[in-house]
Amino acid sequence: MGHLGRMGEPDKRTLRRELLAVRSRLPAGDVEAAAAALAEHALELGELAHARTVAAYVSVGSEPGTLALLDALHARGVRVLLPALLPDNDLDWGVYSGKGSLARVQHGGKMALWEPAGERLGPDAVTGADAVLLPGLAVDARGMRLGRGGGSYDRVLARLERAGAHPALVVLLYDAEVVPLVPTERHDRPVHAVVTPSGVRRFPRSRR
């Protein structure tokens, strides 16, 4: 794994800005079509087909859409956990039981998020997941993910590591967001698979 340290941060910021600009120009019809294709491919993943509990998230704006996938997993009887953002950017978790179980929450000057409206299970609930679906902006040929920079999922991955939990890590992206290389730092961890509207790409699980 590469280590760019402080030198990597400007590169990460630049790449994030470029990728977000491309997403912001996507027509709504393309976002909707991509969400349907993502759900179809993700549901073919063995890691999700055999999962009893999946930690996921509700997409917002022009992010690759997740609601169709959440509903399909829930219909299969999978226990779907969704995050709730805490003031320190850590994540609590609650159970998804359909669109009616979501509440739109405004976090200060940040964008509003759809979060579980019911009981909070605590930040450690994610350690019981068989698979974790991660948001991101890009992934490279090594499986290294570029996140949005808030640090919430760095905390999730660190919590999984401390607990000795080894769920399948899957990132959902658009096709053009699978890139040759993303800047990395020492704490970054690779994912096991990326799902895009055109299919699935796996990375060696030995690079945990």
Protein backbone atom coordinates (compact mmCIF):
# COMPACT_ATOMS: atom_id res chain seq x y z
CA MET A 1 0.00 0.00 0.00
CA GLY A 2 1.35 3.39 -0.90
CA HIS A 3 1.84 6.01 1.74
CA LEU A 4 1.80 9.63 0.68
CA GLY A 5 1.31 11.07 4.18
CA ARG A 6 0.72 14.81 4.19
CA MET A 7 1.73 15.02 0.55
CA GLY A 8 -1.36 12.97 -0.35
CA GLU A 9 -3.91 15.34 1.10
CA PRO A 10 -3.86 18.04 -1.63
CA ASP A 11 -4.11 15.24 -4.21
CA LYS A 12 -7.10 13.76 -2.40
CA ARG A 13 -8.81 17.15 -2.20
CA THR A 14 -8.25 17.78 -5.91
CA LEU A 15 -9.51 14.36 -6.92
CA ARG A 16 -12.57 14.66 -4.67
CA ARG A 17 -13.41 18.06 -6.18
CA GLU A 18 -13.11 16.71 -9.73
CA LEU A 19 -15.19 13.61 -9.07
CA LEU A 20 -17.92 15.53 -7.24
CA ALA A 21 -18.11 18.00 -10.14
CA VAL A 22 -18.69 15.15 -12.59
CA ARG A 23 -21.39 13.65 -10.35
CA SER A 24 -23.15 16.99 -10.02
CA ARG A 25 -23.62 17.13 -13.80
CA LEU A 26 -25.27 13.70 -14.09
CA PRO A 27 -28.86 13.85 -15.39
CA ALA A 28 -31.45 12.52 -12.96
CA GLY A 29 -32.41 9.78 -15.41
CA ASP A 30 -28.84 8.50 -15.51
CA VAL A 31 -28.66 8.44 -11.70
CA GLU A 32 -31.92 6.45 -11.55
CA ALA A 33 -30.83 3.97 -14.22
CA ALA A 34 -27.47 3.49 -12.50
CA ALA A 35 -29.20 2.76 -9.18
CA ALA A 36 -31.25 -0.04 -10.74
CA ALA A 37 -28.18 -1.57 -12.38
CA LEU A 38 -26.16 -1.28 -9.15
CA ALA A 39 -28.85 -3.11 -7.19
CA GLU A 40 -29.02 -5.90 -9.77
CA HIS A 41 -25.26 -6.50 -9.73
CA ALA A 42 -24.85 -6.09 -5.97
CA LEU A 43 -27.55 -8.68 -5.29
CA GLU A 44 -25.51 -11.21 -7.28
CA LEU A 45 -22.58 -10.87 -4.89
CA GLY A 46 -22.14 -14.01 -2.82
CA GLU A 47 -21.17 -11.88 0.16
CA LEU A 48 -24.61 -10.23 0.09
CA ALA A 49 -26.55 -13.32 -0.98
CA HIS A 50 -25.46 -15.15 2.17
CA ALA A 51 -25.40 -12.18 4.55
CA ARG A 52 -27.72 -12.07 7.53
CA THR A 53 -26.78 -8.48 8.46
CA VAL A 54 -25.59 -5.79 6.04
CA ALA A 55 -24.46 -2.32 7.10
CA ALA A 56 -25.35 0.09 4.30
CA TYR A 57 -26.29 3.76 3.80
CA VAL A 58 -28.89 5.89 2.08
CA SER A 59 -27.52 7.67 -0.96
CA VAL A 60 -28.10 11.41 -1.31
CA GLY A 61 -28.05 13.72 -4.31
CA SER A 62 -26.16 12.31 -7.28
CA GLU A 63 -24.44 9.53 -5.29
CA PRO A 64 -24.84 6.06 -6.79
CA GLY A 65 -28.35 5.18 -5.63
CA THR A 66 -28.83 2.63 -2.85
CA LEU A 67 -32.57 2.62 -2.04
CA ALA A 68 -33.44 -0.09 -4.59
CA LEU A 69 -30.71 -2.27 -3.10
CA LEU A 70 -31.81 -1.58 0.49
CA ASP A 71 -35.39 -2.56 -0.36
CA ALA A 72 -34.27 -5.73 -2.12
CA LEU A 73 -32.09 -6.78 0.81
CA HIS A 74 -34.89 -6.05 3.28
CA ALA A 75 -37.33 -8.07 1.15
CA ARG A 76 -34.91 -11.01 1.32
CA GLY A 77 -35.07 -10.92 5.11
CA VAL A 78 -31.63 -9.39 5.53
CA ARG A 79 -31.17 -7.19 8.61
CA VAL A 80 -30.06 -3.87 7.12
CA LEU A 81 -28.26 -1.38 9.36
CA LEU A 82 -28.11 2.29 8.39
CA PRO A 83 -25.89 4.99 9.87
CA ALA A 84 -26.84 8.06 11.87
CA LEU A 85 -24.19 10.78 11.95
CA LEU A 86 -23.04 11.78 15.44
CA PRO A 87 -21.72 15.27 16.33
CA ASP A 88 -18.11 14.05 16.26
CA ASN A 89 -18.59 12.51 12.78
CA ASP A 90 -18.70 8.97 14.18
CA LEU A 91 -21.65 6.78 13.17
CA ASP A 92 -24.42 5.24 15.23
CA TRP A 93 -26.66 2.60 13.59
CA GLY A 94 -30.33 1.71 13.31
CA VAL A 95 -32.39 -0.90 11.45
CA TYR A 96 -33.98 -0.24 8.05
CA SER A 97 -37.52 -1.56 7.66
CA GLY A 98 -38.59 0.30 4.51
CA LYS A 99 -38.73 3.93 3.37
CA GLY A 100 -41.16 4.74 6.17
CA SER A 101 -38.43 3.97 8.70
CA LEU A 102 -36.26 6.88 7.49
CA ALA A 103 -36.12 10.45 8.74
CA ARG A 104 -34.46 13.36 6.95
CA VAL A 105 -31.93 14.96 9.29
CA GLN A 106 -30.15 18.26 8.73
CA HIS A 107 -26.65 18.34 10.22
CA GLY A 108 -25.67 21.99 10.59
CA GLY A 109 -24.26 23.37 7.35
CA LYS A 110 -23.79 19.91 5.88
CA MET A 111 -26.23 18.27 3.50
CA ALA A 112 -29.37 16.68 4.91
CA LEU A 113 -29.15 12.92 5.33
CA TRP A 114 -31.73 10.14 5.43
CA GLU A 115 -31.21 8.26 8.68
CA PRO A 116 -33.01 5.47 10.55
CA ALA A 117 -35.84 6.93 12.63
CA GLY A 118 -36.04 4.13 15.18
CA GLU A 119 -33.90 2.79 17.99
CA ARG A 120 -30.18 3.53 17.99
CA LEU A 121 -28.01 0.45 18.42
CA GLY A 122 -24.67 2.15 19.16
CA PRO A 123 -21.52 2.60 17.06
CA ASP A 124 -20.37 -0.97 17.76
CA ALA A 125 -23.43 -2.48 16.03
CA VAL A 126 -21.52 -2.42 12.74
CA THR A 127 -19.11 -5.05 14.07
CA GLY A 128 -21.88 -7.65 13.76
CA ALA A 129 -22.37 -7.09 10.02
CA ASP A 130 -21.48 -9.80 7.49
CA ALA A 131 -20.96 -7.14 4.82
CA VAL A 132 -20.45 -3.37 4.92
CA LEU A 133 -21.42 -1.19 1.96
CA LEU A 134 -19.18 1.87 1.87
CA PRO A 135 -19.82 5.19 0.15
CA GLY A 136 -16.92 6.58 -1.81
CA LEU A 137 -15.81 8.69 -4.72
CA ALA A 138 -13.29 6.34 -6.35
CA VAL A 139 -11.46 3.05 -5.98
CA ASP A 140 -8.22 2.01 -7.63
CA ALA A 141 -6.76 -1.21 -9.00
CA ARG A 142 -5.57 -2.21 -5.51
CA GLY A 143 -9.01 -1.78 -3.98
CA MET A 144 -8.03 1.42 -2.20
CA ARG A 145 -11.09 3.65 -1.70
CA LEU A 146 -11.25 7.42 -1.81
CA GLY A 147 -13.89 8.65 0.64
CA ARG A 148 -15.48 12.07 0.93
CA GLY A 149 -13.01 13.17 3.58
CA GLY A 150 -15.26 13.36 6.64
CA GLY A 151 -13.53 10.48 8.41
CA SER A 152 -16.72 8.69 9.48
CA TYR A 153 -15.91 5.49 7.63
CA ASP A 154 -12.27 5.58 8.69
CA ARG A 155 -13.69 5.24 12.21
CA VAL A 156 -15.96 2.40 11.13
CA LEU A 157 -13.04 0.51 9.56
CA ALA A 158 -10.87 1.10 12.62
CA ARG A 159 -13.69 -0.16 14.86
CA LEU A 160 -14.02 -3.32 12.78
CA GLU A 161 -10.29 -3.91 13.02
CA ARG A 162 -10.21 -3.42 16.80
CA ALA A 163 -13.12 -5.86 17.19
CA GLY A 164 -11.43 -8.49 15.03
CA ALA A 165 -14.46 -8.32 12.70
CA HIS A 166 -13.88 -9.15 9.03
CA PRO A 167 -17.01 -8.35 7.02
CA ALA A 168 -16.89 -8.09 3.25
CA LEU A 169 -16.19 -4.46 2.34
CA VAL A 170 -17.98 -3.31 -0.80
CA VAL A 171 -17.96 0.16 -2.38
CA LEU A 172 -20.68 1.36 -4.78
CA LEU A 173 -19.50 3.65 -7.59
CA TYR A 174 -20.08 4.80 -11.15
CA ASP A 175 -17.99 3.12 -13.84
CA ALA A 176 -15.70 6.11 -14.42
CA GLU A 177 -14.82 6.20 -10.71
CA VAL A 178 -12.76 3.02 -10.93
CA VAL A 179 -9.37 4.66 -11.53
CA PRO A 180 -5.73 3.51 -11.84
CA LEU A 181 -4.57 5.00 -8.53
CA VAL A 182 -5.91 7.01 -5.59
CA PRO A 183 -3.68 8.71 -3.01
CA THR A 184 -3.47 6.72 0.22
CA GLU A 185 -2.33 7.19 3.79
CA ARG A 186 -1.17 4.70 6.39
CA HIS A 187 -4.61 4.22 7.95
CA ASP A 188 -6.38 3.52 4.63
CA ARG A 189 -7.66 -0.02 4.07
CA PRO A 190 -8.63 -1.76 0.80
CA VAL A 191 -12.13 -2.95 -0.01
CA HIS A 192 -12.92 -6.42 -1.27
CA ALA A 193 -15.16 -5.50 -4.20
CA VAL A 194 -16.56 -2.57 -6.15
CA VAL A 195 -20.00 -2.62 -7.74
CA THR A 196 -20.70 -0.28 -10.66
CA PRO A 197 -23.63 -0.12 -13.10
CA SER A 198 -21.68 -2.35 -15.50
CA GLY A 199 -20.76 -5.08 -13.02
CA VAL A 200 -18.57 -6.25 -10.15
CA ARG A 201 -14.82 -6.14 -9.73
CA ARG A 202 -13.17 -8.05 -6.89
CA PHE A 203 -9.89 -7.39 -5.15
CA PRO A 204 -7.74 -9.97 -3.30
CA ARG A 205 -9.16 -10.54 0.18
CA SER A 206 -5.61 -11.19 1.38
CA ARG A 207 -5.00 -7.45 1.16
CA ARG A 208 -7.12 -6.84 4.19
